[in-house]
Amino acid sequence: MAHALAGGYHGPPQLTVARGFTEWTLDPWMLGLILVLAAAYLAGYYRLRRAGQPWSWARTVNFGLGLAVIAIATLGSFGTYFGVVFFMRSFQTILLLLLAPMFLALGRPLSMFIAVFPRAGQRLDRAIHSPLARCLTFPAITTLTLVAVPFVMYFTNWYTACFHSVTVRELTHLALLAPGFVFFWTLLRVDPVPKAYSYGVSLWITGAEVIGDAFLGLAVIADTNLIGAGYYHALARPWGPSLGTDQILGGGTLWIFGDLVGLPFLVAQLIQFIREDEQEAAEIDAELDAREAARDAARAARKAAAIAAEGQPAKSRPATARSTDAPPAPGTPSALGTPPAPSSTGAPPGSSTPSALEAQPAANASPAPPATDDPDRDDPERPWWESDPRFQERFRQV
C-alpha cells in the first residue's frame, strides 16, 4: 500500500462506482491461500465422485462462493482502498468476518475431509468431540470472540498496524476469517460439531451477534476521536468524504451491512431446521410403524393362545366322563355289592369333596398367556408421545 510522502498523496485514484467494480490489486498471500483451498476442495470432490460417494453440488457452490468473497474482499476494490477510505475497510471487515465464513461452513469441508481421509478423519472427529473443543466452541465464547476481534482491531493500534506491515495485514485477514468460520460451523451444524445445540439457542446467539454488530457500529459513529487520525492526516487524501464523515459512513457500514449479512444466515438456519424436522418426523413415523406392527403381532399371539386355551378343556371332558361312567371292574367293592368306605371328611359316598371340585378346573385350565410389554394394553388411552423419551420433558405435567 502506497503511503503519503512529503510531496502529497500517492495512493490509488479517486474511488468511483466504476472503479469499485473494476479496480483490483495483487495480494500474493491471499491469492495463494484461495488457490490452495480451491484445489484441495476440488481434489476431494473428484475423489469422492470416483469412489462412488455422493456429494451435493450445492456444497461445492457454497464453498466456491466463500472463496470468491475472500477474493473480492482482499484482491478487489476493497483490498485496493482498505488503507485509503475508512468505509471500504469496514466493508472488508464484514466480508471476511461474516459473509465468507458462512459460505465456507455451508460447503462442509470437515465432512469432506473425514470422507476422503478415513484414518485422519477419525482423529479429527475425536478432536472435534473432545472436552477442550466443547469448551472452546461454547456459544457464548464463539459469539464474544466474533464481536471482540473487530472491536479490539478498531480501537487499538492494531488498526493502523495493518497499513505498515504485510505480516500484520495477512494475519488480520486470518484473524477475521477464523472466528467467523467457528461461529457459523457450530451454529449451522452441517459438519460434525462438538455439541449440537438446539436451534432455539442458535436464534438467541444470532440475536446477540446482531446486537454486537450494532454496538460496534454505533461505537465507531459516536467516537469523537478519529480512528487512525495520524495515519489518515499523513495520507492527505484529496478526494472523497472528509475524515469525520468517512468514519461515520464506516460505522454505519459495520452496523447496517453487518445486520444485512445476518439475513442469509437466518435463512440457512431455517432451511436446516426444516430439514432436521422432516428427518426427525420420518424417524418417528418409522418407529411408530414398527411399534404398531409389534403390537399387532402380540395381539395375534394372545388371540391364538386364548383360542388354544378354550379348545383344550373341550377335548379332555369326554375322556373324564367315560372314566366315571364305566362299570366297576370285577373284584372291586362296588362290584361285590360292598358299599364304599366313607371319606375322612364325612361326605356321603359317591360325592366329591369341595377341594377336589376346585382342583379339577384348575388342573384342566391351561396356563395364562405371558405378559407383554405393550403400553397400549396397560393404558390404551395414553398418547404415545408421553412414553417417548424424546418428548417426555416437553409434556411433563407440572
Protein backbone atom coordinates (compact mmCIF):
# COMPACT_ATOMS: atom_id res chain seq x y z
CA MET A 1 0.00 0.00 0.00
CA ALA A 2 1.38 3.33 -1.07
CA HIS A 3 1.67 5.83 1.73
CA ALA A 4 1.69 9.57 1.71
CA LEU A 5 5.02 11.22 1.19
CA ALA A 6 6.06 14.79 1.80
CA GLY A 7 5.18 15.77 -1.77
CA GLY A 8 1.48 14.85 -1.39
CA TYR A 9 -0.93 11.99 -1.97
CA HIS A 10 0.44 8.87 -3.69
CA GLY A 11 -2.42 6.40 -3.20
CA PRO A 12 -4.83 4.83 -5.68
CA PRO A 13 -7.01 7.06 -7.90
CA GLN A 14 -10.30 8.52 -6.77
CA LEU A 15 -12.89 5.91 -5.89
CA THR A 16 -15.86 5.85 -8.25
CA VAL A 17 -18.68 3.38 -8.86
CA ALA A 18 -16.93 2.04 -11.95
CA ARG A 19 -13.62 1.64 -10.12
CA GLY A 20 -15.47 -0.12 -7.30
CA PHE A 21 -16.14 -2.98 -9.75
CA THR A 22 -13.00 -2.86 -11.89
CA GLU A 23 -10.15 -1.94 -9.53
CA TRP A 24 -8.04 -4.92 -8.45
CA THR A 25 -4.83 -5.39 -6.52
CA LEU A 26 -2.43 -8.28 -6.06
CA ASP A 27 -2.16 -9.87 -2.63
CA PRO A 28 0.05 -12.92 -3.29
CA TRP A 29 -0.50 -14.45 0.15
CA MET A 30 -4.30 -14.36 -0.02
CA LEU A 31 -4.27 -15.41 -3.67
CA GLY A 32 -2.13 -18.42 -2.76
CA LEU A 33 -4.47 -19.33 0.11
CA ILE A 34 -7.51 -19.14 -2.16
CA LEU A 35 -5.89 -21.31 -4.83
CA VAL A 36 -4.74 -23.92 -2.30
CA LEU A 37 -8.18 -24.18 -0.69
CA ALA A 38 -9.90 -24.38 -4.07
CA ALA A 39 -7.52 -27.08 -5.35
CA ALA A 40 -7.85 -29.15 -2.16
CA TYR A 41 -11.65 -28.97 -2.21
CA LEU A 42 -11.90 -29.89 -5.90
CA ALA A 43 -9.47 -32.78 -5.43
CA GLY A 44 -11.60 -34.11 -2.58
CA TYR A 45 -14.75 -33.67 -4.67
CA TYR A 46 -13.43 -35.68 -7.62
CA ARG A 47 -12.00 -38.34 -5.32
CA LEU A 48 -15.40 -38.84 -3.73
CA ARG A 49 -17.04 -38.98 -7.14
CA ARG A 50 -14.60 -41.66 -8.33
CA ALA A 51 -15.26 -43.65 -5.16
CA GLY A 52 -18.98 -43.53 -5.86
CA GLN A 53 -19.80 -41.46 -2.77
CA PRO A 54 -22.43 -38.77 -3.31
CA TRP A 55 -21.52 -35.15 -2.73
CA SER A 56 -24.06 -32.41 -3.29
CA TRP A 57 -23.17 -29.80 -5.89
CA ALA A 58 -24.74 -27.16 -3.62
CA ARG A 59 -21.95 -27.71 -1.08
CA THR A 60 -19.33 -27.13 -3.77
CA VAL A 61 -21.08 -23.97 -4.92
CA ASN A 62 -21.25 -22.63 -1.36
CA PHE A 63 -17.57 -23.25 -0.77
CA GLY A 64 -16.75 -21.58 -4.09
CA LEU A 65 -18.84 -18.56 -3.09
CA GLY A 66 -16.90 -18.31 0.15
CA LEU A 67 -13.59 -18.25 -1.73
CA ALA A 68 -15.00 -15.69 -4.17
CA VAL A 69 -15.97 -13.40 -1.29
CA ILE A 70 -12.44 -13.66 0.11
CA ALA A 71 -11.05 -12.76 -3.32
CA ILE A 72 -13.35 -9.73 -3.62
CA ALA A 73 -12.50 -8.56 -0.10
CA THR A 74 -8.72 -8.83 -0.45
CA LEU A 75 -7.98 -8.63 -4.19
CA GLY A 76 -10.80 -6.38 -5.42
CA SER A 77 -11.52 -2.73 -4.79
CA PHE A 78 -11.97 -3.38 -1.06
CA GLY A 79 -8.37 -4.58 -0.92
CA THR A 80 -7.23 -1.65 -3.03
CA TYR A 81 -8.88 1.08 -0.95
CA PHE A 82 -8.93 -0.51 2.52
CA GLY A 83 -5.98 1.67 3.58
CA VAL A 84 -7.35 4.84 2.00
CA VAL A 85 -11.08 5.02 2.74
CA PHE A 86 -12.43 4.10 6.17
CA PHE A 87 -15.78 2.73 5.00
CA MET A 88 -14.07 0.45 2.46
CA ARG A 89 -12.12 -1.05 5.34
CA SER A 90 -15.46 -1.57 7.14
CA PHE A 91 -16.90 -3.39 4.11
CA GLN A 92 -13.82 -5.63 4.00
CA THR A 93 -14.19 -6.42 7.70
CA ILE A 94 -17.80 -7.62 7.30
CA LEU A 95 -16.99 -9.66 4.20
CA LEU A 96 -14.13 -11.50 5.92
CA LEU A 97 -15.78 -11.80 9.32
CA LEU A 98 -19.33 -12.87 8.37
CA LEU A 99 -20.11 -13.47 4.71
CA ALA A 100 -17.13 -15.55 3.55
CA PRO A 101 -17.06 -17.85 6.64
CA MET A 102 -20.79 -18.56 6.34
CA PHE A 103 -20.45 -19.86 2.76
CA LEU A 104 -17.28 -21.78 3.64
CA ALA A 105 -19.10 -23.53 6.51
CA LEU A 106 -22.03 -24.41 4.23
CA GLY A 107 -19.52 -26.15 1.95
CA ARG A 108 -18.96 -28.79 4.70
CA PRO A 109 -15.16 -29.01 4.40
CA LEU A 110 -14.82 -31.08 7.60
CA SER A 111 -17.24 -33.72 6.32
CA MET A 112 -15.31 -33.89 3.06
CA PHE A 113 -12.01 -34.33 4.91
CA ILE A 114 -13.44 -37.14 7.05
CA ALA A 115 -14.84 -38.89 3.97
CA VAL A 116 -11.67 -38.54 1.86
CA PHE A 117 -9.19 -39.46 4.62
CA PRO A 118 -10.91 -42.03 6.89
CA ARG A 119 -8.00 -42.59 9.32
CA ALA A 120 -7.12 -38.93 9.72
CA GLY A 121 -10.84 -38.21 9.74
CA GLN A 122 -11.31 -40.42 12.79
CA ARG A 123 -8.64 -38.47 14.66
CA LEU A 124 -10.26 -35.22 13.57
CA ASP A 125 -13.66 -36.46 14.73
CA ARG A 126 -12.23 -37.39 18.14
CA ALA A 127 -10.64 -33.95 18.41
CA ILE A 128 -13.93 -32.28 17.49
CA HIS A 129 -15.79 -34.16 20.24
CA SER A 130 -13.10 -33.64 22.87
CA PRO A 131 -13.89 -31.71 26.08
CA LEU A 132 -11.49 -28.93 25.05
CA ALA A 133 -13.32 -28.41 21.76
CA ARG A 134 -16.66 -28.31 23.57
CA CYS A 135 -15.33 -25.66 25.91
CA LEU A 136 -13.81 -23.51 23.16
CA THR A 137 -16.93 -23.70 20.97
CA PHE A 138 -19.41 -22.85 23.72
CA PRO A 139 -21.87 -20.40 22.09
CA ALA A 140 -21.10 -17.56 24.50
CA ILE A 141 -17.37 -17.87 23.79
CA THR A 142 -17.70 -18.01 19.99
CA THR A 143 -20.08 -15.04 19.94
CA LEU A 144 -17.90 -12.98 22.25
CA THR A 145 -14.86 -13.72 20.10
CA LEU A 146 -16.72 -12.79 16.93
CA VAL A 147 -17.65 -9.40 18.38
CA ALA A 148 -14.44 -8.75 20.30
CA VAL A 149 -11.96 -9.24 17.44
CA PRO A 150 -13.16 -6.32 15.26
CA PHE A 151 -13.83 -4.20 18.34
CA VAL A 152 -10.24 -4.58 19.52
CA MET A 153 -8.95 -4.04 15.99
CA TYR A 154 -10.76 -0.72 15.51
CA PHE A 155 -9.99 0.79 18.92
CA THR A 156 -6.32 -0.11 19.31
CA ASN A 157 -3.11 0.38 17.35
CA TRP A 158 -3.91 -2.84 15.56
CA TYR A 159 -5.99 -0.77 13.11
CA THR A 160 -3.07 1.22 11.69
CA ALA A 161 -0.52 -1.57 12.07
CA CYS A 162 -2.18 -3.33 9.14
CA PHE A 163 -1.18 -0.43 6.87
CA HIS A 164 2.52 -0.59 7.71
CA SER A 165 3.16 -4.37 7.90
CA VAL A 166 2.25 -7.01 5.35
CA THR A 167 2.54 -9.71 8.00
CA VAL A 168 0.09 -7.96 10.31
CA ARG A 169 -2.28 -7.40 7.39
CA GLU A 170 -2.35 -11.07 6.39
CA LEU A 171 -2.68 -12.23 9.99
CA THR A 172 -5.56 -9.79 10.41
CA HIS A 173 -7.36 -11.38 7.47
CA LEU A 174 -6.96 -14.80 9.09
CA ALA A 175 -7.98 -13.40 12.49
CA LEU A 176 -11.26 -12.26 10.95
CA LEU A 177 -11.91 -15.47 8.99
CA ALA A 178 -11.21 -17.93 11.83
CA PRO A 179 -13.76 -16.80 14.46
CA GLY A 180 -16.36 -16.28 11.76
CA PHE A 181 -15.93 -19.83 10.48
CA VAL A 182 -16.11 -21.32 14.00
CA PHE A 183 -19.22 -19.28 14.74
CA PHE A 184 -21.13 -20.45 11.66
CA TRP A 185 -19.77 -24.01 11.82
CA THR A 186 -21.08 -24.60 15.33
CA LEU A 187 -24.47 -22.97 14.74
CA LEU A 188 -25.31 -24.28 11.27
CA ARG A 189 -24.35 -27.87 12.31
CA VAL A 190 -23.88 -29.10 8.75
CA ASP A 191 -20.49 -30.57 9.75
CA PRO A 192 -19.71 -32.66 12.84
CA VAL A 193 -19.73 -30.33 15.84
CA PRO A 194 -18.53 -30.74 19.44
CA LYS A 195 -22.09 -30.34 20.72
CA ALA A 196 -25.31 -29.85 18.78
CA TYR A 197 -27.20 -27.00 20.40
CA SER A 198 -30.86 -26.51 19.61
CA TYR A 199 -31.97 -24.01 17.02
CA GLY A 200 -33.58 -22.02 19.79
CA VAL A 201 -30.09 -21.42 21.17
CA SER A 202 -28.88 -20.57 17.66
CA LEU A 203 -31.55 -17.90 17.29
CA TRP A 204 -30.59 -16.35 20.63
CA ILE A 205 -26.93 -16.36 19.62
CA THR A 206 -27.80 -14.79 16.28
CA GLY A 207 -29.66 -12.04 18.10
CA ALA A 208 -26.64 -11.44 20.32
CA GLU A 209 -24.40 -11.22 17.25
CA VAL A 210 -26.73 -8.68 15.63
CA ILE A 211 -26.64 -6.58 18.80
CA GLY A 212 -22.83 -6.84 18.84
CA ASP A 213 -22.58 -5.56 15.25
CA ALA A 214 -24.89 -2.69 16.08
CA PHE A 215 -22.87 -1.84 19.18
CA LEU A 216 -19.61 -1.81 17.24
CA GLY A 217 -21.04 0.40 14.52
CA LEU A 218 -22.60 2.83 16.98
CA ALA A 219 -19.36 2.97 18.96
CA VAL A 220 -17.45 3.94 15.80
CA ILE A 221 -20.04 6.57 14.91
CA ALA A 222 -20.15 8.05 18.41
CA ASP A 223 -16.36 8.18 18.83
CA THR A 224 -15.38 11.85 18.84
CA ASN A 225 -11.75 10.97 18.17
CA LEU A 226 -10.78 9.96 14.66
CA ILE A 227 -9.66 6.34 14.43
CA GLY A 228 -6.19 6.25 12.89
CA ALA A 229 -6.12 10.02 12.77
CA GLY A 230 -2.33 10.31 12.41
CA TYR A 231 -2.23 7.89 9.52
CA TYR A 232 -5.12 9.47 7.60
CA HIS A 233 -3.80 13.02 8.10
CA ALA A 234 -0.42 11.94 6.78
CA LEU A 235 -2.10 10.20 3.84
CA ALA A 236 -3.67 13.53 2.80
CA ARG A 237 -6.34 12.02 0.57
CA PRO A 238 -7.54 14.90 -1.66
CA TRP A 239 -10.84 13.34 -2.76
CA GLY A 240 -13.84 11.67 -1.19
CA PRO A 241 -15.62 12.46 2.08
CA SER A 242 -13.96 14.20 4.99
CA LEU A 243 -12.30 12.09 7.64
CA GLY A 244 -15.16 12.60 10.11
CA THR A 245 -17.83 11.76 7.54
CA ASP A 246 -15.81 8.79 6.34
CA GLN A 247 -15.70 7.38 9.89
CA ILE A 248 -19.46 7.84 10.29
CA LEU A 249 -20.04 6.03 7.00
CA GLY A 250 -17.75 3.27 8.18
CA GLY A 251 -19.64 2.88 11.45
CA GLY A 252 -22.94 2.74 9.57
CA THR A 253 -21.46 0.08 7.29
CA LEU A 254 -20.44 -2.06 10.25
CA TRP A 255 -23.92 -1.71 11.72
CA ILE A 256 -26.27 -1.95 8.73
CA PHE A 257 -24.25 -4.19 6.41
CA GLY A 258 -23.37 -6.48 9.29
CA ASP A 259 -27.04 -6.95 10.12
CA LEU A 260 -27.96 -7.47 6.46
CA VAL A 261 -25.38 -10.24 6.18
CA GLY A 262 -27.17 -11.94 9.08
CA LEU A 263 -30.29 -12.41 6.93
CA PRO A 264 -28.78 -15.16 4.73
CA PHE A 265 -27.62 -16.82 7.94
CA LEU A 266 -31.17 -16.82 9.30
CA VAL A 267 -32.40 -18.29 6.00
CA ALA A 268 -29.74 -21.01 6.17
CA GLN A 269 -30.73 -21.76 9.78
CA LEU A 270 -34.40 -22.00 8.79
CA ILE A 271 -33.59 -24.41 5.95
CA GLN A 272 -31.52 -26.61 8.25
CA PHE A 273 -34.27 -26.56 10.87
CA ILE A 274 -36.87 -27.68 8.30
CA ARG A 275 -34.61 -30.47 7.04
CA GLU A 276 -33.87 -31.79 10.53
CA ASP A 277 -37.54 -31.58 11.46
CA GLU A 278 -38.50 -33.61 8.38
CA GLN A 279 -35.79 -36.17 9.14
CA GLU A 280 -36.91 -36.48 12.76
CA ALA A 281 -40.55 -36.84 11.66
CA ALA A 282 -39.57 -39.65 9.27
CA GLU A 283 -37.66 -41.47 12.02
CA ILE A 284 -40.58 -41.15 14.43
CA ASP A 285 -43.03 -42.43 11.80
CA ALA A 286 -40.81 -45.44 11.17
CA GLU A 287 -40.61 -46.17 14.90
CA LEU A 288 -44.38 -45.85 15.29
CA ASP A 289 -44.94 -48.23 12.37
CA ALA A 290 -42.55 -50.74 13.95
CA ARG A 291 -44.31 -50.45 17.33
CA GLU A 292 -47.72 -50.90 15.73
CA ALA A 293 -46.51 -54.00 13.90
CA ALA A 294 -45.14 -55.41 17.17
CA ARG A 295 -48.46 -54.70 18.92
CA ASP A 296 -50.41 -56.41 16.14
CA ALA A 297 -48.15 -59.45 16.40
CA ALA A 298 -48.59 -59.52 20.20
CA ARG A 299 -52.38 -59.27 19.89
CA ALA A 300 -52.44 -62.08 17.34
CA ALA A 301 -50.33 -64.25 19.65
CA ARG A 302 -52.65 -63.57 22.60
CA LYS A 303 -55.69 -64.35 20.48
CA ALA A 304 -54.17 -67.65 19.32
CA ALA A 305 -53.30 -68.55 22.93
CA ALA A 306 -56.88 -67.78 24.03
CA ILE A 307 -58.35 -69.99 21.30
CA ALA A 308 -56.00 -72.80 22.27
CA ALA A 309 -56.98 -72.39 25.93
CA GLU A 310 -60.69 -72.66 25.09
CA GLY A 311 -60.21 -75.79 22.97
CA GLN A 312 -58.12 -77.76 25.49
CA PRO A 313 -60.87 -78.46 28.18
CA ALA A 314 -63.36 -79.44 25.48
CA LYS A 315 -61.10 -82.26 24.41
CA SER A 316 -60.45 -83.54 27.96
CA ARG A 317 -64.11 -83.64 29.22
CA PRO A 318 -65.31 -86.74 27.20
CA ALA A 319 -62.43 -88.83 28.47
CA THR A 320 -63.24 -87.87 32.06
CA ALA A 321 -66.95 -88.68 31.62
CA ARG A 322 -66.18 -92.02 30.12
CA SER A 323 -63.90 -92.92 33.03
CA THR A 324 -66.59 -92.05 35.60
CA ASP A 325 -69.48 -93.84 33.79
CA ALA A 326 -67.58 -97.07 33.14
CA PRO A 327 -68.80 -100.17 35.10
CA PRO A 328 -66.66 -101.22 38.06
CA ALA A 329 -64.04 -103.77 37.46
CA PRO A 330 -64.58 -107.28 38.80
CA GLY A 331 -63.31 -107.80 42.35
CA THR A 332 -63.83 -104.18 43.41
CA PRO A 333 -66.03 -103.40 46.43
CA SER A 334 -68.71 -101.87 44.18
CA ALA A 335 -68.86 -104.99 42.02
CA LEU A 336 -69.21 -107.21 45.08
CA GLY A 337 -72.06 -105.10 46.49
CA THR A 338 -69.98 -103.74 49.37
CA PRO A 339 -70.56 -100.02 49.89
CA PRO A 340 -67.50 -97.84 49.51
CA ALA A 341 -65.78 -96.70 52.65
CA PRO A 342 -66.80 -93.31 53.89
CA SER A 343 -64.44 -90.48 53.31
CA SER A 344 -62.49 -88.97 56.10
CA THR A 345 -64.40 -85.71 55.71
CA GLY A 346 -67.75 -87.35 56.36
CA ALA A 347 -69.10 -86.66 52.86
CA PRO A 348 -71.64 -89.11 51.52
CA PRO A 349 -70.44 -91.88 49.28
CA GLY A 350 -70.05 -91.05 45.62
CA SER A 351 -69.74 -87.30 46.28
CA SER A 352 -66.60 -85.27 45.70
CA THR A 353 -65.05 -83.01 48.26
CA PRO A 354 -65.02 -79.25 47.67
CA SER A 355 -61.25 -79.24 47.34
CA ALA A 356 -61.45 -81.85 44.65
CA LEU A 357 -64.09 -79.85 42.80
CA GLU A 358 -61.91 -76.74 42.97
CA ALA A 359 -58.79 -78.56 41.92
CA GLN A 360 -60.40 -80.14 38.85
CA PRO A 361 -60.97 -76.90 36.89
CA ALA A 362 -57.52 -75.68 37.93
CA ALA A 363 -55.98 -78.86 36.60
CA ASN A 364 -57.94 -78.65 33.35
CA ALA A 365 -57.26 -74.95 32.81
CA SER A 366 -54.36 -74.00 30.50
CA PRO A 367 -51.61 -71.67 31.67
CA ALA A 368 -52.25 -67.92 31.31
CA PRO A 369 -50.67 -66.23 28.29
CA PRO A 370 -47.40 -64.49 29.03
CA ALA A 371 -47.48 -60.80 29.84
CA THR A 372 -46.28 -58.43 27.16
CA ASP A 373 -44.70 -55.02 27.28
CA ASP A 374 -47.46 -53.47 25.25
CA PRO A 375 -48.10 -49.95 26.61
CA ASP A 376 -51.46 -49.79 24.84
CA ARG A 377 -52.61 -52.88 26.77
CA ASP A 378 -51.78 -51.29 30.11
CA ASP A 379 -53.19 -47.86 29.24
CA PRO A 380 -54.76 -47.73 25.79
CA GLU A 381 -55.79 -44.10 26.28
CA ARG A 382 -52.25 -42.88 26.95
CA PRO A 383 -50.77 -40.90 23.99
CA TRP A 384 -47.62 -42.40 22.53
CA TRP A 385 -45.58 -39.22 22.90
CA GLU A 386 -45.94 -39.28 26.69
CA SER A 387 -43.94 -42.51 26.79
CA ASP A 388 -41.38 -41.48 24.17
CA PRO A 389 -38.15 -40.35 25.91
CA ARG A 390 -37.62 -37.60 23.34
CA PHE A 391 -40.88 -35.91 24.28
CA GLN A 392 -41.34 -36.76 27.96
CA GLU A 393 -39.80 -33.49 29.12
CA ARG A 394 -41.99 -31.49 26.76
CA PHE A 395 -45.27 -32.99 28.00
CA ARG A 396 -44.40 -33.48 31.65
CA GLN A 397 -47.22 -32.21 33.84
CA VAL A 398 -46.32 -29.54 36.38
